[in-house]
Amino acid sequence: MESFFSSHGPDAGATRIKAMRWPASVRLGHATVLAAKAIQISSTGVGLLMDRTIKEGETALVRVDAYVSGNPVRLQARTSVVCCTCVGMDGFRISLRFQELDEDAQSAVDAMLRAR
């Protein structure tokens, strides 16, 4: 399955993608919280590096903690797993697509995309 961060397709270039390295976590179900590192964000989703796989199609609550212009920004959003790929010694790259973003989550995404 093609990642939604790809620059291919009819909407290529329409989605701004920001590379970063921010701490993140993923909550599966009601109890399982997994540590991750956010490596990419766009208006449609987030890419993470993790030390384990997550099944495609699974829903998860993702949290990304960042500092933008010296101010803390926290993104917390419901997502679905689009793809999971082994990236060698780094672990697994998990691509998550945002489901409906509330106003706070959309503001956090916008701030992260503007970060330097």
PDB file of N, CA and C in Angstrom:
ATOM      1  N   MET A   1       0.836  -1.175   0.000  1.00  0.00           N
ATOM      2  CA  MET A   1       0.000   0.000   0.000  1.00  0.00           C
ATOM      3  C   MET A   1       0.879   1.234   0.000  1.00  0.00           C
ATOM      4  N   GLU A   2       0.531   2.218  -0.789  1.00  0.00           N
ATOM      5  CA  GLU A   2       1.323   3.438  -0.908  1.00  0.00           C
ATOM      6  C   GLU A   2       1.073   4.356   0.273  1.00  0.00           C
ATOM      7  N   SER A   3       2.120   4.930   0.809  1.00  0.00           N
ATOM      8  CA  SER A   3       2.012   5.871   1.909  1.00  0.00           C
ATOM      9  C   SER A   3       1.296   7.136   1.454  1.00  0.00           C
ATOM     10  N   PHE A   4       0.547   7.752   2.338  1.00  0.00           N
ATOM     11  CA  PHE A   4      -0.127   8.998   1.982  1.00  0.00           C
ATOM     12  C   PHE A   4       0.836  10.165   1.957  1.00  0.00           C
ATOM     13  N   PHE A   5       2.102   9.946   2.330  1.00  0.00           N
ATOM     14  CA  PHE A   5       3.115  10.984   2.255  1.00  0.00           C
ATOM     15  C   PHE A   5       3.786  11.015   0.886  1.00  0.00           C
ATOM     16  N   SER A   6       3.393  10.129   0.008  1.00  0.00           N
ATOM     17  CA  SER A   6       3.991  10.038  -1.316  1.00  0.00           C
ATOM     18  C   SER A   6       3.725  11.296  -2.123  1.00  0.00           C
ATOM     19  N   SER A   7       4.625  11.620  -3.012  1.00  0.00           N
ATOM     20  CA  SER A   7       4.437  12.779  -3.871  1.00  0.00           C
ATOM     21  C   SER A   7       3.898  12.374  -5.235  1.00  0.00           C
ATOM     22  N   HIS A   8       3.298  11.189  -5.332  1.00  0.00           N
ATOM     23  CA  HIS A   8       2.737  10.700  -6.581  1.00  0.00           C
ATOM     24  C   HIS A   8       1.230  10.896  -6.578  1.00  0.00           C
ATOM     25  N   GLY A   9       0.641  10.877  -7.726  1.00  0.00           N
ATOM     26  CA  GLY A   9      -0.817  10.922  -7.816  1.00  0.00           C
ATOM     27  C   GLY A   9      -1.329  12.282  -8.242  1.00  0.00           C
ATOM     28  N   PRO A  10      -2.655  12.402  -8.389  1.00  0.00           N
ATOM     29  CA  PRO A  10      -3.244  13.616  -8.921  1.00  0.00           C
ATOM     30  C   PRO A  10      -3.099  14.828  -8.008  1.00  0.00           C
ATOM     31  N   ASP A  11      -2.953  14.608  -6.705  1.00  0.00           N
ATOM     32  CA  ASP A  11      -2.828  15.731  -5.784  1.00  0.00           C
ATOM     33  C   ASP A  11      -1.384  15.969  -5.358  1.00  0.00           C
ATOM     34  N   ALA A  12      -0.425  15.476  -6.127  1.00  0.00           N
ATOM     35  CA  ALA A  12       0.979  15.632  -5.769  1.00  0.00           C
ATOM     36  C   ALA A  12       1.302  17.105  -5.607  1.00  0.00           C
ATOM     37  N   GLY A  13       1.954  17.427  -4.514  1.00  0.00           N
ATOM     38  CA  GLY A  13       2.324  18.798  -4.239  1.00  0.00           C
ATOM     39  C   GLY A  13       1.240  19.572  -3.507  1.00  0.00           C
ATOM     40  N   ALA A  14       0.022  19.074  -3.447  1.00  0.00           N
ATOM     41  CA  ALA A  14      -1.061  19.784  -2.783  1.00  0.00           C
ATOM     42  C   ALA A  14      -0.934  19.686  -1.261  1.00  0.00           C
ATOM     43  N   THR A  15      -0.301  18.638  -0.770  1.00  0.00           N
ATOM     44  CA  THR A  15      -0.151  18.439   0.659  1.00  0.00           C
ATOM     45  C   THR A  15       1.271  18.784   1.067  1.00  0.00           C
ATOM     46  N   ARG A  16       1.395  19.729   1.977  1.00  0.00           N
ATOM     47  CA  ARG A  16       2.708  20.110   2.479  1.00  0.00           C
ATOM     48  C   ARG A  16       3.167  19.074   3.491  1.00  0.00           C
ATOM     49  N   ILE A  17       4.412  18.618   3.359  1.00  0.00           N
ATOM     50  CA  ILE A  17       4.975  17.610   4.248  1.00  0.00           C
ATOM     51  C   ILE A  17       6.144  18.234   4.999  1.00  0.00           C
ATOM     52  N   LYS A  18       6.159  18.049   6.306  1.00  0.00           N
ATOM     53  CA  LYS A  18       7.211  18.601   7.150  1.00  0.00           C
ATOM     54  C   LYS A  18       7.960  17.455   7.818  1.00  0.00           C
ATOM     55  N   ALA A  19       9.268  17.427   7.637  1.00  0.00           N
ATOM     56  CA  ALA A  19      10.102  16.437   8.318  1.00  0.00           C
ATOM     57  C   ALA A  19      10.477  16.985   9.685  1.00  0.00           C
ATOM     58  N   MET A  20      10.487  16.105  10.709  1.00  0.00           N
ATOM     59  CA  MET A  20      10.839  16.524  12.050  1.00  0.00           C
ATOM     60  C   MET A  20      11.280  15.329  12.878  1.00  0.00           C
ATOM     61  N   ARG A  21      11.664  15.586  14.098  1.00  0.00           N
ATOM     62  CA  ARG A  21      12.022  14.535  15.063  1.00  0.00           C
ATOM     63  C   ARG A  21      11.466  14.963  16.415  1.00  0.00           C
ATOM     64  N   TRP A  22      10.215  14.615  16.686  1.00  0.00           N
ATOM     65  CA  TRP A  22       9.565  14.974  17.937  1.00  0.00           C
ATOM     66  C   TRP A  22       9.102  13.716  18.653  1.00  0.00           C
ATOM     67  N   PRO A  23       9.116  13.727  19.987  1.00  0.00           N
ATOM     68  CA  PRO A  23       8.622  12.568  20.726  1.00  0.00           C
ATOM     69  C   PRO A  23       7.120  12.382  20.494  1.00  0.00           C
ATOM     70  N   ALA A  24       6.718  11.139  20.446  1.00  0.00           N
ATOM     71  CA  ALA A  24       5.317  10.815  20.196  1.00  0.00           C
ATOM     72  C   ALA A  24       4.946   9.556  20.953  1.00  0.00           C
ATOM     73  N   SER A  25       3.652   9.310  21.040  1.00  0.00           N
ATOM     74  CA  SER A  25       3.161   8.061  21.602  1.00  0.00           C
ATOM     75  C   SER A  25       1.905   7.657  20.853  1.00  0.00           C
ATOM     76  N   VAL A  26       1.619   6.370  20.895  1.00  0.00           N
ATOM     77  CA  VAL A  26       0.448   5.808  20.224  1.00  0.00           C
ATOM     78  C   VAL A  26      -0.310   4.986  21.242  1.00  0.00           C
ATOM     79  N   ARG A  27      -1.599   5.223  21.355  1.00  0.00           N
ATOM     80  CA  ARG A  27      -2.448   4.415  22.248  1.00  0.00           C
ATOM     81  C   ARG A  27      -3.330   3.533  21.400  1.00  0.00           C
ATOM     82  N   LEU A  28      -3.212   2.233  21.641  1.00  0.00           N
ATOM     83  CA  LEU A  28      -4.044   1.243  20.969  1.00  0.00           C
ATOM     84  C   LEU A  28      -5.064   0.740  21.969  1.00  0.00           C
ATOM     85  N   GLY A  29      -6.312   0.704  21.595  1.00  0.00           N
ATOM     86  CA  GLY A  29      -7.342   0.246  22.527  1.00  0.00           C
ATOM     87  C   GLY A  29      -7.443   1.183  23.709  1.00  0.00           C
ATOM     88  N   HIS A  30      -7.690   0.602  24.872  1.00  0.00           N
ATOM     89  CA  HIS A  30      -7.871   1.425  26.066  1.00  0.00           C
ATOM     90  C   HIS A  30      -6.647   1.479  26.962  1.00  0.00           C
ATOM     91  N   ALA A  31      -5.677   0.608  26.757  1.00  0.00           N
ATOM     92  CA  ALA A  31      -4.593   0.542  27.724  1.00  0.00           C
ATOM     93  C   ALA A  31      -3.191   0.598  27.129  1.00  0.00           C
ATOM     94  N   THR A  32      -2.975   0.067  25.958  1.00  0.00           N
ATOM     95  CA  THR A  32      -1.633  -0.066  25.426  1.00  0.00           C
ATOM     96  C   THR A  32      -1.116   1.270  24.889  1.00  0.00           C
ATOM     97  N   VAL A  33      -0.055   1.807  25.503  1.00  0.00           N
ATOM     98  CA  VAL A  33       0.577   3.039  25.039  1.00  0.00           C
ATOM     99  C   VAL A  33       2.002   2.689  24.613  1.00  0.00           C
ATOM    100  N   LEU A  34       2.343   3.048  23.382  1.00  0.00           N
ATOM    101  CA  LEU A  34       3.655   2.726  22.821  1.00  0.00           C
ATOM    102  C   LEU A  34       4.431   4.008  22.529  1.00  0.00           C
ATOM    103  N   ALA A  35       5.721   3.995  22.837  1.00  0.00           N
ATOM    104  CA  ALA A  35       6.580   5.139  22.542  1.00  0.00           C
ATOM    105  C   ALA A  35       6.929   5.148  21.064  1.00  0.00           C
ATOM    106  N   ALA A  36       7.084   6.354  20.513  1.00  0.00           N
ATOM    107  CA  ALA A  36       7.416   6.509  19.101  1.00  0.00           C
ATOM    108  C   ALA A  36       8.179   7.805  18.908  1.00  0.00           C
ATOM    109  N   LYS A  37       8.650   8.009  17.690  1.00  0.00           N
ATOM    110  CA  LYS A  37       9.294   9.260  17.290  1.00  0.00           C
ATOM    111  C   LYS A  37       8.585   9.738  16.033  1.00  0.00           C
ATOM    112  N   ALA A  38       8.006  10.937  16.087  1.00  0.00           N
ATOM    113  CA  ALA A  38       7.343  11.510  14.909  1.00  0.00           C
ATOM    114  C   ALA A  38       8.422  11.995  13.948  1.00  0.00           C
ATOM    115  N   ILE A  39       8.344  11.556  12.683  1.00  0.00           N
ATOM    116  CA  ILE A  39       9.363  11.929  11.706  1.00  0.00           C
ATOM    117  C   ILE A  39       8.819  12.764  10.554  1.00  0.00           C
ATOM    118  N   GLN A  40       7.512  12.731  10.328  1.00  0.00           N
ATOM    119  CA  GLN A  40       6.886  13.532   9.278  1.00  0.00           C
ATOM    120  C   GLN A  40       5.474  13.885   9.689  1.00  0.00           C
ATOM    121  N   ILE A  41       5.031  15.064   9.243  1.00  0.00           N
ATOM    122  CA  ILE A  41       3.641  15.443   9.453  1.00  0.00           C
ATOM    123  C   ILE A  41       3.154  16.155   8.204  1.00  0.00           C
ATOM    124  N   SER A  42       1.890  15.980   7.920  1.00  0.00           N
ATOM    125  CA  SER A  42       1.238  16.704   6.828  1.00  0.00           C
ATOM    126  C   SER A  42      -0.158  17.056   7.319  1.00  0.00           C
ATOM    127  N   SER A  43      -0.925  17.721   6.501  1.00  0.00           N
ATOM    128  CA  SER A  43      -2.286  18.070   6.897  1.00  0.00           C
ATOM    129  C   SER A  43      -3.186  16.848   6.973  1.00  0.00           C
ATOM    130  N   THR A  44      -2.742  15.717   6.395  1.00  0.00           N
ATOM    131  CA  THR A  44      -3.580  14.520   6.374  1.00  0.00           C
ATOM    132  C   THR A  44      -3.128  13.424   7.334  1.00  0.00           C
ATOM    133  N   GLY A  45      -1.907  13.521   7.872  1.00  0.00           N
ATOM    134  CA  GLY A  45      -1.452  12.459   8.756  1.00  0.00           C
ATOM    135  C   GLY A  45      -0.057  12.687   9.295  1.00  0.00           C
ATOM    136  N   VAL A  46       0.433  11.656   9.974  1.00  0.00           N
ATOM    137  CA  VAL A  46       1.738  11.721  10.618  1.00  0.00           C
ATOM    138  C   VAL A  46       2.476  10.404  10.387  1.00  0.00           C
ATOM    139  N   GLY A  47       3.791  10.498  10.247  1.00  0.00           N
ATOM    140  CA  GLY A  47       4.639   9.321  10.106  1.00  0.00           C
ATOM    141  C   GLY A  47       5.468   9.141  11.361  1.00  0.00           C
ATOM    142  N   LEU A  48       5.527   7.920  11.864  1.00  0.00           N
ATOM    143  CA  LEU A  48       6.247   7.623  13.093  1.00  0.00           C
ATOM    144  C   LEU A  48       7.291   6.544  12.871  1.00  0.00           C
ATOM    145  N   LEU A  49       8.320   6.542  13.706  1.00  0.00           N
ATOM    146  CA  LEU A  49       9.253   5.419  13.820  1.00  0.00           C
ATOM    147  C   LEU A  49       8.959   4.749  15.150  1.00  0.00           C
ATOM    148  N   MET A  50       8.821   3.410  15.109  1.00  0.00           N
ATOM    149  CA  MET A  50       8.532   2.644  16.316  1.00  0.00           C
ATOM    150  C   MET A  50       9.356   1.370  16.315  1.00  0.00           C
ATOM    151  N   ASP A  51       9.455   0.743  17.475  1.00  0.00           N
ATOM    152  CA  ASP A  51      10.220  -0.499  17.553  1.00  0.00           C
ATOM    153  C   ASP A  51       9.355  -1.735  17.358  1.00  0.00           C
ATOM    154  N   ARG A  52       8.086  -1.554  17.007  1.00  0.00           N
ATOM    155  CA  ARG A  52       7.202  -2.692  16.726  1.00  0.00           C
ATOM    156  C   ARG A  52       6.213  -2.321  15.631  1.00  0.00           C
ATOM    157  N   THR A  53       5.539  -3.326  15.113  1.00  0.00           N
ATOM    158  CA  THR A  53       4.575  -3.107  14.048  1.00  0.00           C
ATOM    159  C   THR A  53       3.189  -2.827  14.613  1.00  0.00           C
ATOM    160  N   ILE A  54       2.375  -2.219  13.784  1.00  0.00           N
ATOM    161  CA  ILE A  54       0.947  -2.053  14.059  1.00  0.00           C
ATOM    162  C   ILE A  54       0.226  -2.478  12.789  1.00  0.00           C
ATOM    163  N   LYS A  55      -0.858  -3.218  12.945  1.00  0.00           N
ATOM    164  CA  LYS A  55      -1.593  -3.712  11.780  1.00  0.00           C
ATOM    165  C   LYS A  55      -2.248  -2.582  11.001  1.00  0.00           C
ATOM    166  N   GLU A  56      -2.187  -2.691   9.663  1.00  0.00           N
ATOM    167  CA  GLU A  56      -2.878  -1.739   8.804  1.00  0.00           C
ATOM    168  C   GLU A  56      -4.363  -1.780   9.105  1.00  0.00           C
ATOM    169  N   GLY A  57      -4.998  -0.609   9.101  1.00  0.00           N
ATOM    170  CA  GLY A  57      -6.421  -0.506   9.361  1.00  0.00           C
ATOM    171  C   GLY A  57      -6.773  -0.318  10.825  1.00  0.00           C
ATOM    172  N   GLU A  58      -5.813  -0.551  11.726  1.00  0.00           N
ATOM    173  CA  GLU A  58      -6.081  -0.388  13.149  1.00  0.00           C
ATOM    174  C   GLU A  58      -6.229   1.094  13.483  1.00  0.00           C
ATOM    175  N   THR A  59      -7.114   1.422  14.408  1.00  0.00           N
ATOM    176  CA  THR A  59      -7.261   2.811  14.845  1.00  0.00           C
ATOM    177  C   THR A  59      -6.426   3.031  16.093  1.00  0.00           C
ATOM    178  N   ALA A  60      -5.917   4.248  16.218  1.00  0.00           N
ATOM    179  CA  ALA A  60      -5.039   4.569  17.337  1.00  0.00           C
ATOM    180  C   ALA A  60      -5.163   6.048  17.664  1.00  0.00           C
ATOM    181  N   LEU A  61      -4.895   6.383  18.910  1.00  0.00           N
ATOM    182  CA  LEU A  61      -4.810   7.765  19.339  1.00  0.00           C
ATOM    183  C   LEU A  61      -3.335   8.128  19.333  1.00  0.00           C
ATOM    184  N   VAL A  62      -2.954   9.118  18.535  1.00  0.00           N
ATOM    185  CA  VAL A  62      -1.551   9.519  18.453  1.00  0.00           C
ATOM    186  C   VAL A  62      -1.366  10.839  19.197  1.00  0.00           C
ATOM    187  N   ARG A  63      -0.220  10.958  19.844  1.00  0.00           N
ATOM    188  CA  ARG A  63       0.119  12.198  20.544  1.00  0.00           C
ATOM    189  C   ARG A  63       1.536  12.573  20.141  1.00  0.00           C
ATOM    190  N   VAL A  64       1.719  13.824  19.734  1.00  0.00           N
ATOM    191  CA  VAL A  64       3.032  14.346  19.361  1.00  0.00           C
ATOM    192  C   VAL A  64       3.278  15.594  20.193  1.00  0.00           C
ATOM    193  N   ASP A  65       4.431  15.646  20.859  1.00  0.00           N
ATOM    194  CA  ASP A  65       4.813  16.805  21.663  1.00  0.00           C
ATOM    195  C   ASP A  65       5.949  17.526  20.957  1.00  0.00           C
ATOM    196  N   ALA A  66       5.740  18.815  20.687  1.00  0.00           N
ATOM    197  CA  ALA A  66       6.735  19.585  19.949  1.00  0.00           C
ATOM    198  C   ALA A  66       6.938  20.946  20.603  1.00  0.00           C
ATOM    199  N   TYR A  67       8.020  21.589  20.229  1.00  0.00           N
ATOM    200  CA  TYR A  67       8.247  22.980  20.580  1.00  0.00           C
ATOM    201  C   TYR A  67       8.324  23.760  19.285  1.00  0.00           C
ATOM    202  N   VAL A  68       7.456  24.745  19.152  1.00  0.00           N
ATOM    203  CA  VAL A  68       7.408  25.589  17.969  1.00  0.00           C
ATOM    204  C   VAL A  68       7.663  27.016  18.424  1.00  0.00           C
ATOM    205  N   SER A  69       8.732  27.603  17.943  1.00  0.00           N
ATOM    206  CA  SER A  69       9.141  28.961  18.344  1.00  0.00           C
ATOM    207  C   SER A  69       9.247  29.076  19.861  1.00  0.00           C
ATOM    208  N   GLY A  70       9.745  28.029  20.498  1.00  0.00           N
ATOM    209  CA  GLY A  70       9.944  28.032  21.936  1.00  0.00           C
ATOM    210  C   GLY A  70       8.708  27.726  22.760  1.00  0.00           C
ATOM    211  N   ASN A  71       7.591  27.498  22.115  1.00  0.00           N
ATOM    212  CA  ASN A  71       6.340  27.209  22.819  1.00  0.00           C
ATOM    213  C   ASN A  71       5.955  25.746  22.650  1.00  0.00           C
ATOM    214  N   PRO A  72       5.483  25.107  23.741  1.00  0.00           N
ATOM    215  CA  PRO A  72       5.063  23.712  23.611  1.00  0.00           C
ATOM    216  C   PRO A  72       3.776  23.595  22.792  1.00  0.00           C
ATOM    217  N   VAL A  73       3.756  22.616  21.911  1.00  0.00           N
ATOM    218  CA  VAL A  73       2.576  22.317  21.097  1.00  0.00           C
ATOM    219  C   VAL A  73       2.316  20.827  21.222  1.00  0.00           C
ATOM    220  N   ARG A  74       1.088  20.472  21.542  1.00  0.00           N
ATOM    221  CA  ARG A  74       0.724  19.063  21.666  1.00  0.00           C
ATOM    222  C   ARG A  74      -0.388  18.742  20.676  1.00  0.00           C
ATOM    223  N   LEU A  75      -0.111  17.766  19.840  1.00  0.00           N
ATOM    224  CA  LEU A  75      -1.120  17.246  18.914  1.00  0.00           C
ATOM    225  C   LEU A  75      -1.637  15.937  19.477  1.00  0.00           C
ATOM    226  N   GLN A  76      -2.940  15.840  19.600  1.00  0.00           N
ATOM    227  CA  GLN A  76      -3.565  14.588  20.005  1.00  0.00           C
ATOM    228  C   GLN A  76      -4.730  14.359  19.065  1.00  0.00           C
ATOM    229  N   ALA A  77      -4.688  13.241  18.333  1.00  0.00           N
ATOM    230  CA  ALA A  77      -5.715  12.997  17.320  1.00  0.00           C
ATOM    231  C   ALA A  77      -5.969  11.510  17.126  1.00  0.00           C
ATOM    232  N   ARG A  78      -7.175  11.195  16.761  1.00  0.00           N
ATOM    233  CA  ARG A  78      -7.552   9.831  16.394  1.00  0.00           C
ATOM    234  C   ARG A  78      -7.059   9.599  14.973  1.00  0.00           C
ATOM    235  N   THR A  79      -6.456   8.429  14.742  1.00  0.00           N
ATOM    236  CA  THR A  79      -5.869   8.107  13.437  1.00  0.00           C
ATOM    237  C   THR A  79      -6.189   6.668  13.055  1.00  0.00           C
ATOM    238  N   SER A  80      -5.901   6.353  11.799  1.00  0.00           N
ATOM    239  CA  SER A  80      -5.948   4.960  11.352  1.00  0.00           C
ATOM    240  C   SER A  80      -4.618   4.649  10.670  1.00  0.00           C
ATOM    241  N   VAL A  81      -4.164   3.429  10.849  1.00  0.00           N
ATOM    242  CA  VAL A  81      -2.876   3.012  10.292  1.00  0.00           C
ATOM    243  C   VAL A  81      -3.047   2.753   8.803  1.00  0.00           C
ATOM    244  N   VAL A  82      -2.268   3.466   7.986  1.00  0.00           N
ATOM    245  CA  VAL A  82      -2.308   3.315   6.535  1.00  0.00           C
ATOM    246  C   VAL A  82      -1.305   2.274   6.089  1.00  0.00           C
ATOM    247  N   CYS A  83      -0.099   2.331   6.658  1.00  0.00           N
ATOM    248  CA  CYS A  83       0.897   1.338   6.282  1.00  0.00           C
ATOM    249  C   CYS A  83       1.966   1.230   7.359  1.00  0.00           C
ATOM    250  N   CYS A  84       2.623   0.075   7.388  1.00  0.00           N
ATOM    251  CA  CYS A  84       3.688  -0.218   8.334  1.00  0.00           C
ATOM    252  C   CYS A  84       4.807  -0.896   7.554  1.00  0.00           C
ATOM    253  N   THR A  85       5.997  -0.302   7.587  1.00  0.00           N
ATOM    254  CA  THR A  85       7.117  -0.801   6.795  1.00  0.00           C
ATOM    255  C   THR A  85       8.354  -0.940   7.670  1.00  0.00           C
ATOM    256  N   CYS A  86       9.056  -2.054   7.541  1.00  0.00           N
ATOM    257  CA  CYS A  86      10.323  -2.249   8.242  1.00  0.00           C
ATOM    258  C   CYS A  86      11.374  -1.348   7.600  1.00  0.00           C
ATOM    259  N   VAL A  87      12.093  -0.597   8.435  1.00  0.00           N
ATOM    260  CA  VAL A  87      13.154   0.273   7.929  1.00  0.00           C
ATOM    261  C   VAL A  87      14.495  -0.114   8.554  1.00  0.00           C
ATOM    262  N   GLY A  88      14.731  -1.424   8.608  1.00  0.00           N
ATOM    263  CA  GLY A  88      16.008  -1.961   9.081  1.00  0.00           C
ATOM    264  C   GLY A  88      16.223  -1.748  10.561  1.00  0.00           C
ATOM    265  N   MET A  89      17.406  -1.300  10.915  1.00  0.00           N
ATOM    266  CA  MET A  89      17.789  -1.137  12.318  1.00  0.00           C
ATOM    267  C   MET A  89      16.994  -0.042  13.023  1.00  0.00           C
ATOM    268  N   ASP A  90      16.345   0.854  12.262  1.00  0.00           N
ATOM    269  CA  ASP A  90      15.573   1.940  12.854  1.00  0.00           C
ATOM    270  C   ASP A  90      14.232   1.467  13.410  1.00  0.00           C
ATOM    271  N   GLY A  91      13.775   0.299  13.011  1.00  0.00           N
ATOM    272  CA  GLY A  91      12.495  -0.222  13.481  1.00  0.00           C
ATOM    273  C   GLY A  91      11.471  -0.240  12.364  1.00  0.00           C
ATOM    274  N   PHE A  92      10.306   0.333  12.644  1.00  0.00           N
ATOM    275  CA  PHE A  92       9.205   0.314  11.684  1.00  0.00           C
ATOM    276  C   PHE A  92       8.679   1.723  11.464  1.00  0.00           C
ATOM    277  N   ARG A  93       8.417   2.034  10.210  1.00  0.00           N
ATOM    278  CA  ARG A  93       7.803   3.313   9.871  1.00  0.00           C
ATOM    279  C   ARG A  93       6.298   3.070   9.794  1.00  0.00           C
ATOM    280  N   ILE A  94       5.551   3.801  10.600  1.00  0.00           N
ATOM    281  CA  ILE A  94       4.109   3.680  10.662  1.00  0.00           C
ATOM    282  C   ILE A  94       3.508   4.962  10.083  1.00  0.00           C
ATOM    283  N   SER A  95       2.687   4.837   9.056  1.00  0.00           N
ATOM    284  CA  SER A  95       1.991   5.990   8.479  1.00  0.00           C
ATOM    285  C   SER A  95       0.565   5.983   9.002  1.00  0.00           C
ATOM    286  N   LEU A  96       0.182   7.078   9.633  1.00  0.00           N
ATOM    287  CA  LEU A  96      -1.142   7.209  10.239  1.00  0.00           C
ATOM    288  C   LEU A  96      -1.909   8.337   9.561  1.00  0.00           C
ATOM    289  N   ARG A  97      -3.136   8.067   9.187  1.00  0.00           N
ATOM    290  CA  ARG A  97      -3.994   9.093   8.576  1.00  0.00           C
ATOM    291  C   ARG A  97      -4.919   9.644   9.652  1.00  0.00           C
ATOM    292  N   PHE A  98      -4.991  10.985   9.727  1.00  0.00           N
ATOM    293  CA  PHE A  98      -5.897  11.609  10.684  1.00  0.00           C
ATOM    294  C   PHE A  98      -7.338  11.277  10.338  1.00  0.00           C
ATOM    295  N   GLN A  99      -8.115  11.027  11.370  1.00  0.00           N
ATOM    296  CA  GLN A  99      -9.558  10.955  11.187  1.00  0.00           C
ATOM    297  C   GLN A  99     -10.049  12.374  11.431  1.00  0.00           C
ATOM    298  N   GLU A 100     -11.211  12.610  11.874  1.00  0.00           N
ATOM    299  CA  GLU A 100     -11.712  13.977  12.050  1.00  0.00           C
ATOM    300  C   GLU A 100     -10.887  14.716  13.101  1.00  0.00           C
ATOM    301  N   LEU A 101     -10.275  15.849  12.697  1.00  0.00           N
ATOM    302  CA  LEU A 101      -9.489  16.659  13.622  1.00  0.00           C
ATOM    303  C   LEU A 101     -10.398  17.695  14.274  1.00  0.00           C
ATOM    304  N   ASP A 102     -10.295  17.816  15.610  1.00  0.00           N
ATOM    305  CA  ASP A 102     -11.034  18.898  16.266  1.00  0.00           C
ATOM    306  C   ASP A 102     -10.231  20.189  16.110  1.00  0.00           C
ATOM    307  N   GLU A 103     -10.748  21.287  16.622  1.00  0.00           N
ATOM    308  CA  GLU A 103     -10.116  22.600  16.436  1.00  0.00           C
ATOM    309  C   GLU A 103      -8.717  22.652  17.044  1.00  0.00           C
ATOM    310  N   ASP A 104      -8.543  22.076  18.251  1.00  0.00           N
ATOM    311  CA  ASP A 104      -7.228  22.075  18.901  1.00  0.00           C
ATOM    312  C   ASP A 104      -6.209  21.270  18.102  1.00  0.00           C
ATOM    313  N   ALA A 105      -6.628  20.106  17.614  1.00  0.00           N
ATOM    314  CA  ALA A 105      -5.719  19.264  16.833  1.00  0.00           C
ATOM    315  C   ALA A 105      -5.349  19.949  15.521  1.00  0.00           C
ATOM    316  N   GLN A 106      -6.301  20.580  14.855  1.00  0.00           N
ATOM    317  CA  GLN A 106      -6.015  21.280  13.601  1.00  0.00           C
ATOM    318  C   GLN A 106      -5.053  22.438  13.839  1.00  0.00           C
ATOM    319  N   SER A 107      -5.227  23.156  14.942  1.00  0.00           N
ATOM    320  CA  SER A 107      -4.308  24.247  15.290  1.00  0.00           C
ATOM    321  C   SER A 107      -2.901  23.724  15.532  1.00  0.00           C
ATOM    322  N   ALA A 108      -2.797  22.581  16.206  1.00  0.00           N
ATOM    323  CA  ALA A 108      -1.483  21.978  16.468  1.00  0.00           C
ATOM    324  C   ALA A 108      -0.818  21.545  15.165  1.00  0.00           C
ATOM    325  N   VAL A 109      -1.579  20.922  14.264  1.00  0.00           N
ATOM    326  CA  VAL A 109      -1.030  20.518  12.966  1.00  0.00           C
ATOM    327  C   VAL A 109      -0.532  21.735  12.197  1.00  0.00           C
ATOM    328  N   ASP A 110      -1.333  22.792  12.168  1.00  0.00           N
ATOM    329  CA  ASP A 110      -0.942  24.010  11.462  1.00  0.00           C
ATOM    330  C   ASP A 110       0.347  24.598  12.051  1.00  0.00           C
ATOM    331  N   ALA A 111       0.441  24.627  13.381  1.00  0.00           N
ATOM    332  CA  ALA A 111       1.648  25.155  14.034  1.00  0.00           C
ATOM    333  C   ALA A 111       2.869  24.298  13.706  1.00  0.00           C
ATOM    334  N   MET A 112       2.713  22.991  13.709  1.00  0.00           N
ATOM    335  CA  MET A 112       3.834  22.090  13.402  1.00  0.00           C
ATOM    336  C   MET A 112       4.283  22.236  11.961  1.00  0.00           C
ATOM    337  N   LEU A 113       3.350  22.457  11.056  1.00  0.00           N
ATOM    338  CA  LEU A 113       3.722  22.628   9.644  1.00  0.00           C
ATOM    339  C   LEU A 113       4.464  23.946   9.423  1.00  0.00           C
ATOM    340  N   ARG A 114       4.221  24.943  10.276  1.00  0.00           N
ATOM    341  CA  ARG A 114       4.909  26.230  10.165  1.00  0.00           C
ATOM    342  C   ARG A 114       6.259  26.240  10.872  1.00  0.00           C
ATOM    343  N   ALA A 115       6.541  25.234  11.717  1.00  0.00           N
ATOM    344  CA  ALA A 115       7.774  25.205  12.510  1.00  0.00           C
ATOM    345  C   ALA A 115       9.008  25.213  11.614  1.00  0.00           C
ATOM    346  N   ARG A 116      10.041  25.809  12.123  1.00  0.00           N
ATOM    347  CA  ARG A 116      11.316  25.847  11.374  1.00  0.00           C
ATOM    348  C   ARG A 116      12.193  24.721  11.785  1.00  0.00           C
TER     349      ARG A 116
END
